[in-house]
């Protein structure tokens, strides 16, 4: 039994094979080296309740009647029967330590309204938490990076130990080795768990890997890898189940990747916007992602227009770009009309100040949709203004850009409230980076708006031990958006320079 001196505390697989076990988490080195499934560190014992087994435990009185035990609640341990195969749920064979790590992870990552019970490895909600929960026991690299993230969060908690960060980095290194080994297989790209693991690695490297050098964030590399796996599988592979959820939840990263490169995304092809929804209806979030995937194409057309030296060709390019802008603008208007008054919940021009704090996952989802909607409008109207050769900051397009930027500036701090959870904090970093850059470029020193001051006050906050300011520098490859003030440029140039 557990606790008896001399009994092995190794995993079930090593005990069965009579091999030495180093008790590594989440899987031991012996099993990993042998290519075997690690059986975890629970004991091979079965709990048998005597009340359920009355027919076995009762005794005959000699007169045909039976005598029921006086204590029906009595429990005993017994060796598992060899006559029947007992299938144990994977989560039950995880070690107690691993369960505690995962429980702490969800407690830190999720908004307070969505905390999971300590010791639980399931989020119980839609989104990445559900993906992680469904794939955790199937993908070793995912288990490593999840445990690494959990230990990283624990190392910076109030009662945490900094040596946990070292263990966290060791687990992350194991995840990198594992995913590198798995990707050598021909069918590796078909495994959803590897895509999820890659996405988590990007977040882990941003928050926990010390890197103050002005190098490009690994986020882009991981996103490129996810995109390559999507393209290799084709849209037909994402019509239902976990694969469909994984695809639809990853599209925002794919859109941001394409916006940064100013190149049309392969996912903007009509087949990628239709086939994955062949068996189910698109949500409003899905429709909004369709629209934001149009923005990189507008940026690409704008780059071509600005590089065109031929007057006739330039006129054609300008007409095509303006027509494309009108199409995206109409799509945004239709989306907002379908969404209804909900889109106004975090609009300070309607609800006033202070804005209501999101209280659960659905409200945080609404907040995200609102910010994405406003940012999409900012990029759209900036491109349109450039295409129209507007030279004054009081044109209708630039007034719209400024109004949308102020809405974002008021709403983004809600993602960094204490009740938001680390996952919402991390998801808000990209939006914060863009918004700070907008106000830093468009406003003159000493003339900062309340929105700009509110955003800059977030820079002193820390996420898992690292300041938000430092995290934003990592996102921008070492550049400091706060100091990127192009005051020598004319105002109309600065108004568009943020893009």
Protein backbone atom coordinates (compact mmCIF):
# COMPACT_ATOMS: atom_id res chain seq x y z
CA UNK A 1 0.00 0.00 0.00
CA UNK A 2 0.97 3.66 -0.31
CA UNK A 3 3.26 4.74 2.49
CA UNK A 4 4.67 1.31 3.33
CA UNK A 5 8.49 1.53 3.64
CA UNK A 6 10.32 -0.22 0.84
CA UNK A 7 7.48 0.02 -1.66
CA UNK A 8 8.39 1.61 -5.00
CA UNK A 9 6.95 5.03 -5.65
CA UNK A 10 7.69 4.77 -9.38
CA UNK A 11 5.09 4.93 -12.14
CA UNK A 12 2.79 1.98 -12.79
CA UNK A 13 4.61 1.07 -16.02
CA UNK A 14 8.06 0.94 -14.40
CA UNK A 15 6.73 -1.05 -11.43
CA UNK A 16 5.14 -3.54 -13.79
CA UNK A 17 8.37 -3.82 -15.81
CA UNK A 18 10.48 -3.86 -12.61
CA UNK A 19 12.54 -0.93 -13.86
CA UNK A 20 13.96 2.02 -12.00
CA UNK A 21 11.81 5.15 -12.28
CA UNK A 22 12.95 8.76 -11.82
CA UNK A 23 9.34 9.90 -11.10
CA UNK A 24 9.58 12.77 -13.59
CA UNK A 25 6.45 14.78 -14.39
CA UNK A 26 4.35 14.50 -16.51
CA UNK A 27 5.98 11.28 -17.78
CA UNK A 28 9.04 9.51 -16.42
CA UNK A 29 12.28 9.35 -18.41
CA UNK A 30 12.32 5.53 -18.48
CA UNK A 31 8.95 5.34 -20.25
CA UNK A 32 9.84 8.21 -22.57
CA UNK A 33 13.14 6.56 -23.54
CA UNK A 34 11.41 3.21 -24.16
CA UNK A 35 8.58 4.78 -26.14
CA UNK A 36 5.99 3.47 -23.67
CA UNK A 37 2.93 5.18 -22.19
CA UNK A 38 3.73 6.27 -18.63
CA UNK A 39 1.13 4.78 -16.30
CA UNK A 40 1.28 7.57 -13.73
CA UNK A 41 1.94 7.30 -10.03
CA UNK A 42 -1.32 6.00 -8.64
CA UNK A 43 -1.35 2.59 -6.92
CA UNK A 44 -2.75 -0.58 -8.48
CA UNK A 45 -5.51 -0.81 -5.91
CA UNK A 46 -9.27 -0.91 -6.34
CA UNK A 47 -11.65 0.61 -3.80
CA UNK A 48 -14.51 -1.82 -3.10
CA UNK A 49 -17.51 -0.67 -1.11
CA UNK A 50 -19.06 -3.50 0.92
CA UNK A 51 -22.57 -2.05 0.61
CA UNK A 52 -22.39 -2.68 -3.13
CA UNK A 53 -21.00 -6.17 -2.58
CA UNK A 54 -23.56 -7.36 0.02
CA UNK A 55 -24.16 -10.66 -1.80
CA UNK A 56 -20.46 -11.46 -1.48
CA UNK A 57 -19.89 -10.27 2.08
CA UNK A 58 -23.14 -11.59 3.62
CA UNK A 59 -23.07 -15.03 5.26
CA UNK A 60 -25.64 -17.83 5.49
CA UNK A 61 -27.41 -18.33 8.83
CA UNK A 62 -28.18 -21.99 8.09
CA UNK A 63 -31.92 -21.45 7.80
CA UNK A 64 -31.86 -20.11 4.27
CA UNK A 65 -31.62 -16.52 5.41
CA UNK A 66 -28.58 -14.34 5.19
CA UNK A 67 -26.87 -12.10 7.69
CA UNK A 68 -26.00 -8.62 6.47
CA UNK A 69 -22.77 -7.10 7.83
CA UNK A 70 -23.32 -4.73 10.74
CA UNK A 71 -21.20 -2.02 9.09
CA UNK A 72 -22.32 -1.71 5.42
CA UNK A 73 -20.10 1.37 4.98
CA UNK A 74 -16.97 -0.70 5.68
CA UNK A 75 -14.44 -0.44 2.84
CA UNK A 76 -11.50 -2.66 1.99
CA UNK A 77 -8.70 -2.71 -0.55
CA UNK A 78 -8.37 -5.57 -3.00
CA UNK A 79 -6.12 -6.42 -5.89
CA UNK A 80 -7.71 -5.76 -9.30
CA UNK A 81 -9.50 -8.70 -10.82
CA UNK A 82 -7.82 -10.44 -13.74
CA UNK A 83 -11.15 -11.64 -15.09
CA UNK A 84 -12.35 -8.29 -16.34
CA UNK A 85 -10.45 -5.43 -17.95
CA UNK A 86 -10.99 -2.21 -16.05
CA UNK A 87 -10.54 0.96 -18.10
CA UNK A 88 -9.45 3.90 -15.98
CA UNK A 89 -9.90 7.45 -17.20
CA UNK A 90 -6.55 9.04 -18.09
CA UNK A 91 -7.02 11.94 -15.68
CA UNK A 92 -7.27 9.46 -12.77
CA UNK A 93 -3.73 8.19 -13.28
CA UNK A 94 -2.09 11.59 -13.09
CA UNK A 95 0.02 12.21 -10.02
CA UNK A 96 -1.38 14.30 -7.20
CA UNK A 97 1.38 16.84 -7.79
CA UNK A 98 0.48 17.20 -11.45
CA UNK A 99 -3.19 17.63 -10.55
CA UNK A 100 -2.30 20.42 -8.14
CA UNK A 101 -0.17 22.12 -10.80
CA UNK A 102 -3.04 22.02 -13.28
CA UNK A 103 -5.54 23.24 -10.71
CA UNK A 104 -3.29 26.22 -9.96
CA UNK A 105 -2.87 26.88 -13.69
CA UNK A 106 -6.62 27.23 -14.28
CA UNK A 107 -6.99 29.28 -11.11
CA UNK A 108 -4.43 31.79 -12.40
CA UNK A 109 -5.36 31.76 -16.09
CA UNK A 110 -9.15 31.99 -15.97
CA UNK A 111 -11.37 34.94 -15.07
CA UNK A 112 -12.56 34.74 -11.48
CA UNK A 113 -16.07 33.82 -12.55
CA UNK A 114 -14.71 30.73 -14.28
CA UNK A 115 -12.30 29.25 -11.75
CA UNK A 116 -11.92 25.49 -11.94
CA UNK A 117 -11.80 23.41 -8.77
CA UNK A 118 -8.30 22.92 -7.38
CA UNK A 119 -6.99 19.61 -8.62
CA UNK A 120 -9.12 19.71 -11.74
CA UNK A 121 -7.44 19.64 -15.11
CA UNK A 122 -10.53 20.76 -17.01
CA UNK A 123 -11.70 24.25 -17.70
CA UNK A 124 -15.21 23.20 -18.57
CA UNK A 125 -15.76 26.08 -21.00
CA UNK A 126 -15.32 26.60 -24.70
CA UNK A 127 -12.11 27.87 -26.19
CA UNK A 128 -8.50 26.93 -25.62
CA UNK A 129 -9.20 25.52 -22.17
CA UNK A 130 -11.46 22.87 -23.66
CA UNK A 131 -8.93 22.11 -26.39
CA UNK A 132 -6.16 21.64 -23.85
CA UNK A 133 -8.36 19.44 -21.67
CA UNK A 134 -9.43 17.20 -24.54
CA UNK A 135 -5.91 16.73 -25.93
CA UNK A 136 -3.81 16.85 -22.77
CA UNK A 137 -3.60 13.09 -22.18
CA UNK A 138 -2.96 12.33 -25.85
CA UNK A 139 -0.03 14.58 -26.69
CA UNK A 140 3.24 14.42 -24.65
CA UNK A 141 4.54 17.78 -25.91
CA UNK A 142 1.29 19.44 -24.85
CA UNK A 143 1.53 17.89 -21.37
CA UNK A 144 5.08 19.19 -21.00
CA UNK A 145 4.27 22.76 -22.00
CA UNK A 146 1.07 22.86 -19.89
CA UNK A 147 2.95 21.66 -16.81
CA UNK A 148 5.75 24.13 -17.63
CA UNK A 149 3.23 26.98 -17.75
CA UNK A 150 1.63 25.82 -14.50
CA UNK A 151 4.98 25.71 -12.69
CA UNK A 152 5.91 29.08 -14.18
CA UNK A 153 2.72 30.61 -12.79
CA UNK A 154 3.33 28.91 -9.44
CA UNK A 155 6.86 30.32 -9.24
CA UNK A 156 5.49 33.87 -9.20
CA UNK A 157 2.49 33.26 -6.93
CA UNK A 158 2.37 34.69 -3.43
CA UNK A 159 3.59 31.46 -1.85
CA UNK A 160 5.56 30.21 -4.85
CA UNK A 161 9.26 29.37 -5.01
CA UNK A 162 11.56 30.84 -7.63
CA UNK A 163 13.26 27.46 -8.08
CA UNK A 164 9.97 26.38 -9.65
CA UNK A 165 10.84 28.62 -12.61
CA UNK A 166 13.93 26.49 -13.27
CA UNK A 167 11.80 23.35 -13.21
CA UNK A 168 9.33 25.13 -15.48
CA UNK A 169 12.06 25.88 -18.03
CA UNK A 170 13.25 22.27 -17.84
CA UNK A 171 9.74 21.03 -18.63
CA UNK A 172 9.47 23.54 -21.47
CA UNK A 173 12.79 22.34 -22.91
CA UNK A 174 11.41 18.80 -22.82
CA UNK A 175 8.33 20.05 -24.71
CA UNK A 176 10.54 21.61 -27.40
CA UNK A 177 12.50 18.38 -27.79
CA UNK A 178 9.30 16.34 -27.91
CA UNK A 179 7.58 18.46 -30.52
CA UNK A 180 10.76 18.52 -32.60
CA UNK A 181 10.90 14.75 -32.53
CA UNK A 182 7.20 14.38 -33.34
CA UNK A 183 7.33 16.79 -36.29
CA UNK A 184 9.78 14.48 -38.04
CA UNK A 185 6.92 12.05 -38.59
CA UNK A 186 5.09 12.27 -41.89
CA UNK A 187 1.61 12.49 -40.35
CA UNK A 188 2.53 14.81 -37.44
CA UNK A 189 0.73 17.77 -39.00
CA UNK A 190 -2.56 15.86 -38.64
CA UNK A 191 -2.38 15.90 -34.84
CA UNK A 192 -4.37 18.70 -33.22
CA UNK A 193 -2.34 18.44 -30.02
CA UNK A 194 0.83 19.64 -31.74
CA UNK A 195 -0.94 22.79 -32.99
CA UNK A 196 -2.21 23.57 -29.49
CA UNK A 197 1.24 22.88 -28.01
CA UNK A 198 2.83 25.29 -30.49
CA UNK A 199 0.36 28.03 -29.57
CA UNK A 200 1.04 27.59 -25.85
CA UNK A 201 4.79 27.67 -26.50
CA UNK A 202 4.44 31.14 -28.00
CA UNK A 203 2.72 32.43 -24.85
CA UNK A 204 5.23 30.66 -22.60
CA UNK A 205 8.22 32.19 -24.40
CA UNK A 206 6.67 35.63 -24.18
CA UNK A 207 6.01 35.53 -20.43
CA UNK A 208 8.54 33.16 -18.88
CA UNK A 209 11.61 32.97 -21.14
CA UNK A 210 14.04 35.74 -20.22
CA UNK A 211 14.97 37.55 -23.42
CA UNK A 212 15.70 41.26 -23.36
CA UNK A 213 17.55 41.24 -26.66
CA UNK A 214 15.87 43.17 -29.53
CA UNK A 215 14.99 40.03 -31.44
CA UNK A 216 11.73 39.13 -33.12
CA UNK A 217 9.31 37.36 -30.84
CA UNK A 218 9.01 33.63 -31.37
CA UNK A 219 5.23 34.12 -31.52
CA UNK A 220 5.45 34.72 -35.25
CA UNK A 221 7.46 31.54 -35.80
CA UNK A 222 5.00 29.43 -33.86
CA UNK A 223 2.08 31.02 -35.71
CA UNK A 224 3.78 30.28 -39.02
CA UNK A 225 4.11 26.66 -37.92
CA UNK A 226 0.41 26.45 -37.04
CA UNK A 227 -0.52 27.95 -40.40
CA UNK A 228 1.69 25.44 -42.22
CA UNK A 229 -0.05 22.56 -40.43
CA UNK A 230 -3.47 23.95 -41.30
CA UNK A 231 -2.57 24.33 -44.98
CA UNK A 232 -1.07 20.84 -45.14
CA UNK A 233 -4.33 19.32 -43.88
CA UNK A 234 -6.72 21.36 -46.03
CA UNK A 235 -10.07 22.93 -45.03
CA UNK A 236 -11.94 19.59 -45.18
CA UNK A 237 -10.07 18.44 -42.04
CA UNK A 238 -11.71 21.13 -39.89
CA UNK A 239 -15.43 20.59 -40.39
CA UNK A 240 -16.29 19.24 -36.93
CA UNK A 241 -15.11 18.26 -33.48
CA UNK A 242 -11.91 19.39 -31.80
CA UNK A 243 -10.24 20.13 -35.13
CA UNK A 244 -12.97 22.64 -36.07
CA UNK A 245 -12.74 24.43 -32.73
CA UNK A 246 -8.96 24.54 -32.98
CA UNK A 247 -9.14 26.11 -36.43
CA UNK A 248 -11.74 28.77 -35.65
CA UNK A 249 -10.00 29.81 -32.42
CA UNK A 250 -6.63 30.11 -34.21
CA UNK A 251 -7.79 32.40 -37.00
CA UNK A 252 -7.23 35.62 -35.02
CA UNK A 253 -3.52 34.75 -34.69
CA UNK A 254 -3.34 33.93 -38.39
CA UNK A 255 -4.95 37.29 -39.20
CA UNK A 256 -2.52 39.22 -36.96
CA UNK A 257 0.39 37.35 -38.54
CA UNK A 258 -0.73 38.41 -42.02
CA UNK A 259 -1.38 42.01 -40.91
CA UNK A 260 2.17 42.22 -39.54
CA UNK A 261 3.55 40.96 -42.87
CA UNK A 262 1.12 43.13 -44.91
CA UNK A 263 0.36 40.14 -47.10
CA UNK A 264 -2.94 38.45 -47.84
CA UNK A 265 -3.43 35.35 -45.70
CA UNK A 266 -4.02 31.96 -47.38
CA UNK A 267 -6.97 31.61 -45.00
CA UNK A 268 -8.65 34.52 -46.77
CA UNK A 269 -9.41 32.18 -49.67
CA UNK A 270 -13.13 31.48 -49.97
CA UNK A 271 -12.69 27.73 -49.47
CA UNK A 272 -11.16 28.37 -46.04
CA UNK A 273 -14.09 30.65 -45.19
CA UNK A 274 -16.78 28.14 -46.19
CA UNK A 275 -15.74 24.46 -46.08
CA UNK A 276 -14.94 24.28 -42.32
CA UNK A 277 -18.55 25.37 -41.67
CA UNK A 278 -20.08 22.86 -44.05
CA UNK A 279 -21.89 21.05 -41.22
CA UNK A 280 -22.54 23.91 -38.81
CA UNK A 281 -23.59 27.51 -38.73
CA UNK A 282 -21.10 30.34 -38.40
CA UNK A 283 -21.12 32.28 -35.14
CA UNK A 284 -20.88 36.07 -35.03
CA UNK A 285 -17.28 35.67 -33.91
CA UNK A 286 -16.57 33.54 -37.00
CA UNK A 287 -18.09 36.21 -39.25
CA UNK A 288 -15.94 38.90 -37.64
CA UNK A 289 -12.82 36.78 -38.25
CA UNK A 290 -13.82 36.56 -41.92
CA UNK A 291 -13.76 40.36 -42.07
CA UNK A 292 -10.47 40.91 -40.26
CA UNK A 293 -8.86 38.38 -42.63
CA UNK A 294 -9.72 40.85 -45.42
CA UNK A 295 -7.53 43.56 -43.84
CA UNK A 296 -4.13 42.05 -44.81
CA UNK A 297 -5.27 42.00 -48.43
CA UNK A 298 -6.12 45.72 -48.21
CA UNK A 299 -2.66 46.40 -46.79
CA UNK A 300 -1.05 44.41 -49.58
CA UNK A 301 -3.01 46.36 -52.21
CA UNK A 302 -2.00 49.61 -50.50
CA UNK A 303 1.68 48.61 -50.65
CA UNK A 304 1.34 47.88 -54.38
CA UNK A 305 -0.41 51.23 -54.93
CA UNK A 306 2.30 53.18 -53.09
CA UNK A 307 5.03 51.44 -55.11
CA UNK A 308 3.32 52.07 -58.45
CA UNK A 309 5.03 54.77 -60.55
CA UNK A 310 2.71 54.57 -63.54
CA UNK A 311 -0.14 57.13 -63.41
CA UNK A 312 -2.54 54.90 -65.34
CA UNK A 313 -1.65 51.81 -63.36
CA UNK A 314 -1.87 53.78 -60.14
CA UNK A 315 -5.36 54.95 -61.00
CA UNK A 316 -6.50 51.37 -61.61
CA UNK A 317 -4.87 50.17 -58.38
CA UNK A 318 -6.49 53.00 -56.40
CA UNK A 319 -9.93 52.19 -57.82
CA UNK A 320 -9.56 48.51 -56.97
CA UNK A 321 -8.40 49.32 -53.43
CA UNK A 322 -11.28 51.72 -52.78
CA UNK A 323 -13.78 49.14 -54.07
CA UNK A 324 -12.26 46.55 -51.71
CA UNK A 325 -12.50 49.03 -48.82
CA UNK A 326 -16.17 49.65 -49.57
CA UNK A 327 -16.79 45.90 -49.50
CA UNK A 328 -15.13 45.50 -46.08
CA UNK A 329 -16.95 48.56 -44.73
CA UNK A 330 -20.30 47.12 -45.82
CA UNK A 331 -19.44 43.76 -44.25
CA UNK A 332 -18.57 45.48 -40.96
CA UNK A 333 -21.84 47.39 -40.99
CA UNK A 334 -23.83 44.19 -41.60
CA UNK A 335 -21.94 42.42 -38.81
CA UNK A 336 -22.65 45.23 -36.32
CA UNK A 337 -26.32 45.19 -37.31
CA UNK A 338 -26.52 41.43 -36.68
CA UNK A 339 -24.72 41.78 -33.36
CA UNK A 340 -27.25 44.33 -32.14
CA UNK A 341 -27.00 46.48 -29.03
CA UNK A 342 -24.60 44.07 -27.30
CA UNK A 343 -21.72 45.71 -29.16
CA UNK A 344 -22.45 48.89 -27.18
CA UNK A 345 -21.88 47.36 -23.73
CA UNK A 346 -18.22 48.45 -23.57
CA UNK A 347 -18.60 51.58 -25.73
CA UNK A 348 -17.93 54.49 -23.36
CA UNK A 349 -19.71 56.94 -25.68
CA UNK A 350 -22.95 55.03 -24.99
CA UNK A 351 -22.62 53.52 -21.51
CA UNK A 352 -20.55 56.32 -19.99
CA UNK A 353 -17.65 55.98 -17.56
CA UNK A 354 -16.54 53.98 -15.76
CA UNK A 355 -17.12 51.03 -18.06
CA UNK A 356 -18.65 47.91 -16.51
CA UNK A 357 -16.11 45.23 -15.53
CA UNK A 358 -16.68 41.90 -17.31
CA UNK A 359 -17.84 39.33 -14.78
CA UNK A 360 -17.62 36.04 -16.69
CA UNK A 361 -16.21 34.37 -19.79
CA UNK A 362 -19.08 35.40 -22.05
CA UNK A 363 -18.59 39.07 -21.19
CA UNK A 364 -14.84 38.85 -21.78
CA UNK A 365 -15.63 37.27 -25.15
CA UNK A 366 -17.93 40.23 -25.91
CA UNK A 367 -15.17 42.63 -24.87
CA UNK A 368 -12.71 40.91 -27.21
CA UNK A 369 -15.18 41.07 -30.11
CA UNK A 370 -15.75 44.78 -29.47
CA UNK A 371 -12.04 45.59 -29.49
CA UNK A 372 -11.41 43.52 -32.64
CA UNK A 373 -14.37 45.25 -34.33
CA UNK A 374 -13.00 48.72 -33.49
CA UNK A 375 -9.44 47.85 -34.51
CA UNK A 376 -10.68 46.46 -37.81
CA UNK A 377 -12.45 49.76 -38.42
CA UNK A 378 -9.31 51.72 -37.51
CA UNK A 379 -7.22 49.83 -40.06
CA UNK A 380 -9.94 49.99 -42.71
CA UNK A 381 -10.48 53.76 -42.51
CA UNK A 382 -6.73 54.46 -42.32
CA UNK A 383 -6.16 52.51 -45.54
CA UNK A 384 -9.12 54.24 -47.17
CA UNK A 385 -7.81 57.66 -46.14
CA UNK A 386 -4.42 56.95 -47.70
CA UNK A 387 -6.06 55.66 -50.87
CA UNK A 388 -8.12 58.86 -51.15
CA UNK A 389 -4.98 61.01 -50.74
CA UNK A 390 -6.51 62.90 -47.84
CA UNK A 391 -4.16 65.57 -46.53
CA UNK A 392 -6.11 66.88 -43.53
CA UNK A 393 -6.68 65.18 -40.15
CA UNK A 394 -10.28 66.39 -40.03
CA UNK A 395 -11.46 64.21 -42.91
CA UNK A 396 -14.36 61.88 -42.10
CA UNK A 397 -12.18 58.77 -42.30
CA UNK A 398 -9.54 60.05 -39.88
CA UNK A 399 -12.19 61.32 -37.47
CA UNK A 400 -13.61 57.79 -37.49
CA UNK A 401 -10.17 56.31 -36.83
CA UNK A 402 -9.64 58.60 -33.86
CA UNK A 403 -13.08 57.87 -32.40
CA UNK A 404 -12.53 54.10 -32.68
CA UNK A 405 -9.05 54.40 -31.13
CA UNK A 406 -10.52 56.16 -28.10
CA UNK A 407 -13.09 53.41 -27.66
CA UNK A 408 -10.26 50.86 -27.71
CA UNK A 409 -8.26 52.98 -25.28
CA UNK A 410 -11.10 52.94 -22.77
CA UNK A 411 -11.90 49.24 -23.16
CA UNK A 412 -8.44 47.62 -23.22
CA UNK A 413 -7.68 48.26 -19.50
CA UNK A 414 -10.58 45.94 -18.66
CA UNK A 415 -8.45 43.04 -19.96
CA UNK A 416 -5.90 43.83 -17.23
CA UNK A 417 -8.29 43.98 -14.28
CA UNK A 418 -7.39 41.73 -11.34
CA UNK A 419 -10.47 39.62 -12.05
CA UNK A 420 -9.49 38.97 -15.67
CA UNK A 421 -6.98 36.15 -15.25
CA UNK A 422 -3.60 35.71 -16.92
CA UNK A 423 -5.06 34.39 -20.19
CA UNK A 424 -7.04 37.61 -20.70
CA UNK A 425 -3.98 39.67 -19.73
CA UNK A 426 -1.84 37.94 -22.36
CA UNK A 427 -4.54 38.23 -25.02
CA UNK A 428 -4.72 41.97 -24.35
CA UNK A 429 -1.01 42.61 -24.93
CA UNK A 430 -1.24 42.83 -28.73
CA UNK A 431 -4.20 45.22 -28.57
CA UNK A 432 -2.40 47.31 -25.94
CA UNK A 433 0.73 47.47 -28.09
CA UNK A 434 -1.18 48.73 -31.14
CA UNK A 435 -3.22 51.25 -29.12
CA UNK A 436 -0.18 52.70 -27.35
CA UNK A 437 1.59 53.04 -30.68
CA UNK A 438 -1.41 54.88 -32.15
CA UNK A 439 -1.51 57.49 -29.38
CA UNK A 440 2.30 57.78 -29.19
CA UNK A 441 2.50 58.54 -32.92
CA UNK A 442 -0.58 60.74 -33.31
CA UNK A 443 -0.39 62.89 -30.15
CA UNK A 444 2.20 65.53 -29.38
CA UNK A 445 4.19 65.52 -26.11
CA UNK A 446 2.31 67.31 -23.35
CA UNK A 447 -0.98 66.89 -25.20
CA UNK A 448 -1.78 63.32 -24.18
CA UNK A 449 -5.41 62.30 -24.03
CA UNK A 450 -6.95 60.55 -21.03
CA UNK A 451 -7.05 57.35 -23.07
CA UNK A 452 -3.29 57.50 -23.72
CA UNK A 453 -2.51 58.17 -20.05
CA UNK A 454 -4.75 55.29 -18.99
CA UNK A 455 -3.00 52.89 -21.36
CA UNK A 456 0.47 53.98 -20.26
CA UNK A 457 -0.48 53.40 -16.62
CA UNK A 458 -0.82 49.70 -17.50
CA UNK A 459 2.90 49.51 -18.34
CA UNK A 460 3.85 49.23 -14.67
CA UNK A 461 1.68 46.16 -14.12
CA UNK A 462 3.39 42.78 -13.96
CA UNK A 463 2.31 39.51 -15.53
CA UNK A 464 3.93 36.47 -13.90
CA UNK A 465 6.80 38.59 -12.63
CA UNK A 466 7.49 40.56 -15.83
CA UNK A 467 6.37 44.15 -16.38
CA UNK A 468 3.87 44.84 -19.14
CA UNK A 469 6.29 47.43 -20.55
CA UNK A 470 8.99 44.77 -20.99
CA UNK A 471 6.50 42.33 -22.52
CA UNK A 472 5.45 44.94 -25.09
CA UNK A 473 9.09 45.52 -26.03
CA UNK A 474 9.44 41.77 -26.61
CA UNK A 475 6.36 41.80 -28.83
CA UNK A 476 7.82 44.69 -30.86
CA UNK A 477 11.25 43.07 -31.26
CA UNK A 478 12.94 45.48 -28.84
CA UNK A 479 11.22 48.67 -30.01
CA UNK A 480 9.57 50.87 -27.42
CA UNK A 481 6.22 52.04 -28.81
CA UNK A 482 5.91 54.64 -26.05
CA UNK A 483 9.03 56.45 -27.29
CA UNK A 484 8.13 56.11 -30.96
CA UNK A 485 6.78 59.65 -31.30
CA UNK A 486 7.30 61.12 -34.76
CA UNK A 487 6.78 64.73 -33.72
CA UNK A 488 8.74 66.13 -36.66
CA UNK A 489 6.15 64.80 -39.11
CA UNK A 490 3.09 66.86 -40.16
CA UNK A 491 -0.06 66.02 -38.22
CA UNK A 492 -1.86 64.29 -41.09
CA UNK A 493 1.24 62.14 -41.72
CA UNK A 494 1.42 61.21 -38.05
CA UNK A 495 -2.30 60.35 -38.03
CA UNK A 496 -1.63 57.66 -40.61
CA UNK A 497 1.87 56.73 -39.46
CA UNK A 498 0.56 54.43 -36.70
CA UNK A 499 -0.49 51.89 -39.34
